[in-house]
Amino acid sequence: MANNVHELRPKAADSEKITINLGYVDLGHIDLLVQEGFYSNRTDFIRTAIRNQLDRHHDAVKKSVERHHLDLGLRHFSRQDLEAVHAAGEVLHIQVLGLASIAGDVTPDLARQTIASLHVLGALHASSAVKEALKDRMR
């Protein structure tokens, strides 16, 4: 029975892993807060701190998103989307704050023909070949 189960669409990650370097004293303070029960673990503390800073700067970020005409959230580009852009004789200027993803079946040639510029604040999910083909168009 298990052999008949097929994943129709791979689940996209909803987060991106980052690495930070902290001084030992700062790390000790975090561990103390975790030990005292203020946070469940180091990651909980760091996520909370980041969210607090993002909330603190919410108005400035909102104005900047509007000023730069950024798409907010997840923006996916399928092969069919890019083929339609190409057929219309147009090109895309992609600007995303969040996650921009380009389907795995998009060829590097199709990406170069249809994507004139690519500015992603967050993460870009695309094949390494497509990323390489677009590297001179990324900001």
C-alpha atoms as a PDB file:
ATOM      1  CA  MET A   1       0.000   0.000   0.000  1.00  0.00           C
ATOM      2  CA  ALA A   2       2.782   2.465   0.895  1.00  0.00           C
ATOM      3  CA  ASN A   3       4.270   1.984  -2.580  1.00  0.00           C
ATOM      4  CA  ASN A   4       1.133   3.519  -4.108  1.00  0.00           C
ATOM      5  CA  VAL A   5       1.545   6.850  -2.280  1.00  0.00           C
ATOM      6  CA  HIS A   6       3.085   9.563  -4.442  1.00  0.00           C
ATOM      7  CA  GLU A   7       3.757  13.141  -3.504  1.00  0.00           C
ATOM      8  CA  LEU A   8       1.886  15.267  -6.042  1.00  0.00           C
ATOM      9  CA  ARG A   9       3.678  18.458  -5.203  1.00  0.00           C
ATOM     10  CA  PRO A  10       6.696  18.815  -2.927  1.00  0.00           C
ATOM     11  CA  LYS A  11       5.974  20.906   0.148  1.00  0.00           C
ATOM     12  CA  ALA A  12       7.886  24.165   0.070  1.00  0.00           C
ATOM     13  CA  ALA A  13       9.713  25.099   3.221  1.00  0.00           C
ATOM     14  CA  ASP A  14       7.966  27.858   5.123  1.00  0.00           C
ATOM     15  CA  SER A  15      11.161  29.191   6.652  1.00  0.00           C
ATOM     16  CA  GLU A  16      14.819  29.679   5.907  1.00  0.00           C
ATOM     17  CA  LYS A  17      17.623  28.674   8.259  1.00  0.00           C
ATOM     18  CA  ILE A  18      20.120  31.366   9.227  1.00  0.00           C
ATOM     19  CA  THR A  19      23.232  31.273  11.358  1.00  0.00           C
ATOM     20  CA  ILE A  20      24.218  34.011  13.787  1.00  0.00           C
ATOM     21  CA  ASN A  21      27.289  34.462  15.916  1.00  0.00           C
ATOM     22  CA  LEU A  22      26.699  35.616  19.495  1.00  0.00           C
ATOM     23  CA  GLY A  23      29.120  36.465  22.244  1.00  0.00           C
ATOM     24  CA  TYR A  24      29.335  34.022  25.122  1.00  0.00           C
ATOM     25  CA  VAL A  25      27.829  36.473  27.605  1.00  0.00           C
ATOM     26  CA  ASP A  26      24.802  37.173  25.351  1.00  0.00           C
ATOM     27  CA  LEU A  27      24.367  33.450  24.834  1.00  0.00           C
ATOM     28  CA  GLY A  28      24.584  32.925  28.588  1.00  0.00           C
ATOM     29  CA  HIS A  29      21.871  35.521  29.156  1.00  0.00           C
ATOM     30  CA  ILE A  30      19.628  33.721  26.666  1.00  0.00           C
ATOM     31  CA  ASP A  31      20.300  30.374  28.335  1.00  0.00           C
ATOM     32  CA  LEU A  32      19.457  31.906  31.718  1.00  0.00           C
ATOM     33  CA  LEU A  33      16.108  33.200  30.400  1.00  0.00           C
ATOM     34  CA  VAL A  34      15.386  29.755  28.946  1.00  0.00           C
ATOM     35  CA  GLN A  35      16.361  28.085  32.233  1.00  0.00           C
ATOM     36  CA  GLU A  36      14.073  30.472  34.152  1.00  0.00           C
ATOM     37  CA  GLY A  37      11.158  29.567  31.861  1.00  0.00           C
ATOM     38  CA  PHE A  38      10.764  32.863  30.000  1.00  0.00           C
ATOM     39  CA  TYR A  39      11.371  31.055  26.693  1.00  0.00           C
ATOM     40  CA  SER A  40      11.129  27.406  25.716  1.00  0.00           C
ATOM     41  CA  ASN A  41      14.549  27.367  24.013  1.00  0.00           C
ATOM     42  CA  ARG A  42      17.144  29.600  22.334  1.00  0.00           C
ATOM     43  CA  THR A  43      15.259  29.606  19.042  1.00  0.00           C
ATOM     44  CA  ASP A  44      12.076  30.778  20.770  1.00  0.00           C
ATOM     45  CA  PHE A  45      14.008  33.709  22.267  1.00  0.00           C
ATOM     46  CA  ILE A  46      15.611  34.678  18.951  1.00  0.00           C
ATOM     47  CA  ARG A  47      12.339  34.453  16.993  1.00  0.00           C
ATOM     48  CA  THR A  48      10.591  36.557  19.628  1.00  0.00           C
ATOM     49  CA  ALA A  49      13.347  39.169  19.532  1.00  0.00           C
ATOM     50  CA  ILE A  50      13.192  39.348  15.735  1.00  0.00           C
ATOM     51  CA  ARG A  51       9.386  39.628  15.712  1.00  0.00           C
ATOM     52  CA  ASN A  52       9.561  42.402  18.306  1.00  0.00           C
ATOM     53  CA  GLN A  53      12.002  44.360  16.146  1.00  0.00           C
ATOM     54  CA  LEU A  54       9.879  43.823  13.032  1.00  0.00           C
ATOM     55  CA  ASP A  55       6.800  45.033  14.923  1.00  0.00           C
ATOM     56  CA  ARG A  56       8.741  48.040  16.155  1.00  0.00           C
ATOM     57  CA  HIS A  57       9.630  49.037  12.582  1.00  0.00           C
ATOM     58  CA  HIS A  58       6.323  47.967  10.986  1.00  0.00           C
ATOM     59  CA  ASP A  59       5.319  51.424   9.707  1.00  0.00           C
ATOM     60  CA  ALA A  60       8.721  52.098   8.134  1.00  0.00           C
ATOM     61  CA  VAL A  61       8.739  48.669   6.452  1.00  0.00           C
ATOM     62  CA  LYS A  62       5.190  49.150   5.152  1.00  0.00           C
ATOM     63  CA  LYS A  63       6.087  52.503   3.603  1.00  0.00           C
ATOM     64  CA  SER A  64       9.236  51.055   2.058  1.00  0.00           C
ATOM     65  CA  VAL A  65       7.324  48.103   0.570  1.00  0.00           C
ATOM     66  CA  GLU A  66       4.879  50.542  -1.038  1.00  0.00           C
ATOM     67  CA  ARG A  67       7.647  52.877  -2.247  1.00  0.00           C
ATOM     68  CA  HIS A  68       9.597  50.032  -3.865  1.00  0.00           C
ATOM     69  CA  HIS A  69       6.466  48.301  -5.256  1.00  0.00           C
ATOM     70  CA  LEU A  70       7.387  44.977  -3.672  1.00  0.00           C
ATOM     71  CA  ASP A  71       5.115  41.934  -3.799  1.00  0.00           C
ATOM     72  CA  LEU A  72       4.689  40.822  -0.208  1.00  0.00           C
ATOM     73  CA  GLY A  73       4.640  37.134   0.701  1.00  0.00           C
ATOM     74  CA  LEU A  74       4.970  34.148  -1.606  1.00  0.00           C
ATOM     75  CA  ARG A  75       5.238  34.661  -5.369  1.00  0.00           C
ATOM     76  CA  HIS A  76       5.511  31.561  -7.566  1.00  0.00           C
ATOM     77  CA  PHE A  77       6.379  31.594 -11.271  1.00  0.00           C
ATOM     78  CA  SER A  78       5.441  28.462 -13.201  1.00  0.00           C
ATOM     79  CA  ARG A  79       6.728  27.475 -16.614  1.00  0.00           C
ATOM     80  CA  GLN A  80       3.277  28.305 -18.013  1.00  0.00           C
ATOM     81  CA  ASP A  81       3.423  31.793 -16.458  1.00  0.00           C
ATOM     82  CA  LEU A  82       6.775  32.507 -18.073  1.00  0.00           C
ATOM     83  CA  GLU A  83       5.740  31.022 -21.421  1.00  0.00           C
ATOM     84  CA  ALA A  84       2.693  33.330 -21.443  1.00  0.00           C
ATOM     85  CA  VAL A  85       4.936  36.332 -20.708  1.00  0.00           C
ATOM     86  CA  HIS A  86       7.249  35.271 -23.543  1.00  0.00           C
ATOM     87  CA  ALA A  87       4.333  34.739 -25.973  1.00  0.00           C
ATOM     88  CA  ALA A  88       3.083  38.250 -25.170  1.00  0.00           C
ATOM     89  CA  GLY A  89       6.523  39.668 -25.965  1.00  0.00           C
ATOM     90  CA  GLU A  90       6.896  41.024 -22.447  1.00  0.00           C
ATOM     91  CA  VAL A  91       9.450  40.683 -19.664  1.00  0.00           C
ATOM     92  CA  LEU A  92       9.101  40.602 -15.893  1.00  0.00           C
ATOM     93  CA  HIS A  93      10.713  42.817 -13.300  1.00  0.00           C
ATOM     94  CA  ILE A  94      10.282  40.656 -10.212  1.00  0.00           C
ATOM     95  CA  GLN A  95      10.397  42.387  -6.820  1.00  0.00           C
ATOM     96  CA  VAL A  96       9.434  40.261  -3.828  1.00  0.00           C
ATOM     97  CA  LEU A  97       9.667  40.662  -0.093  1.00  0.00           C
ATOM     98  CA  GLY A  98       9.246  37.106   1.164  1.00  0.00           C
ATOM     99  CA  LEU A  99       9.711  34.046  -1.018  1.00  0.00           C
ATOM    100  CA  ALA A 100      10.031  34.045  -4.790  1.00  0.00           C
ATOM    101  CA  SER A 101       9.977  30.611  -6.355  1.00  0.00           C
ATOM    102  CA  ILE A 102      10.579  29.609  -9.948  1.00  0.00           C
ATOM    103  CA  ALA A 103       9.259  26.195 -10.918  1.00  0.00           C
ATOM    104  CA  GLY A 104      11.749  23.390 -11.350  1.00  0.00           C
ATOM    105  CA  ASP A 105      10.731  22.803 -14.977  1.00  0.00           C
ATOM    106  CA  VAL A 106      11.679  26.365 -16.013  1.00  0.00           C
ATOM    107  CA  THR A 107      14.747  26.235 -18.233  1.00  0.00           C
ATOM    108  CA  PRO A 108      17.579  28.739 -17.883  1.00  0.00           C
ATOM    109  CA  ASP A 109      16.822  29.995 -21.420  1.00  0.00           C
ATOM    110  CA  LEU A 110      13.164  30.639 -20.627  1.00  0.00           C
ATOM    111  CA  ALA A 111      14.137  32.430 -17.417  1.00  0.00           C
ATOM    112  CA  ARG A 112      16.603  34.689 -19.265  1.00  0.00           C
ATOM    113  CA  GLN A 113      14.077  35.443 -22.016  1.00  0.00           C
ATOM    114  CA  THR A 114      11.337  36.476 -19.601  1.00  0.00           C
ATOM    115  CA  ILE A 115      12.940  37.827 -16.415  1.00  0.00           C
ATOM    116  CA  ALA A 116      14.606  41.192 -16.961  1.00  0.00           C
ATOM    117  CA  SER A 117      15.379  41.849 -13.297  1.00  0.00           C
ATOM    118  CA  LEU A 118      15.061  40.019 -10.012  1.00  0.00           C
ATOM    119  CA  HIS A 119      15.086  41.660  -6.583  1.00  0.00           C
ATOM    120  CA  VAL A 120      14.231  39.343  -3.701  1.00  0.00           C
ATOM    121  CA  LEU A 121      14.337  40.345  -0.064  1.00  0.00           C
ATOM    122  CA  GLY A 122      13.949  37.037   1.711  1.00  0.00           C
ATOM    123  CA  ALA A 123      14.552  33.848  -0.232  1.00  0.00           C
ATOM    124  CA  LEU A 124      14.654  32.677  -3.836  1.00  0.00           C
ATOM    125  CA  HIS A 125      13.845  29.060  -4.616  1.00  0.00           C
ATOM    126  CA  ALA A 126      14.926  28.083  -8.110  1.00  0.00           C
ATOM    127  CA  SER A 127      17.190  25.516  -9.678  1.00  0.00           C
ATOM    128  CA  SER A 128      20.888  26.278  -9.519  1.00  0.00           C
ATOM    129  CA  ALA A 129      20.923  26.498 -13.334  1.00  0.00           C
ATOM    130  CA  VAL A 130      18.183  29.167 -13.332  1.00  0.00           C
ATOM    131  CA  LYS A 131      19.915  31.094 -10.535  1.00  0.00           C
ATOM    132  CA  GLU A 132      23.145  30.995 -12.526  1.00  0.00           C
ATOM    133  CA  ALA A 133      21.368  32.174 -15.685  1.00  0.00           C
ATOM    134  CA  LEU A 134      19.844  35.126 -13.815  1.00  0.00           C
ATOM    135  CA  LYS A 135      22.785  36.099 -11.615  1.00  0.00           C
ATOM    136  CA  ASP A 136      23.561  39.230 -13.649  1.00  0.00           C
ATOM    137  CA  ARG A 137      19.936  40.362 -13.255  1.00  0.00           C
ATOM    138  CA  MET A 138      19.734  40.000  -9.485  1.00  0.00           C
ATOM    139  CA  ARG A 139      20.016  42.896  -7.104  1.00  0.00           C
END
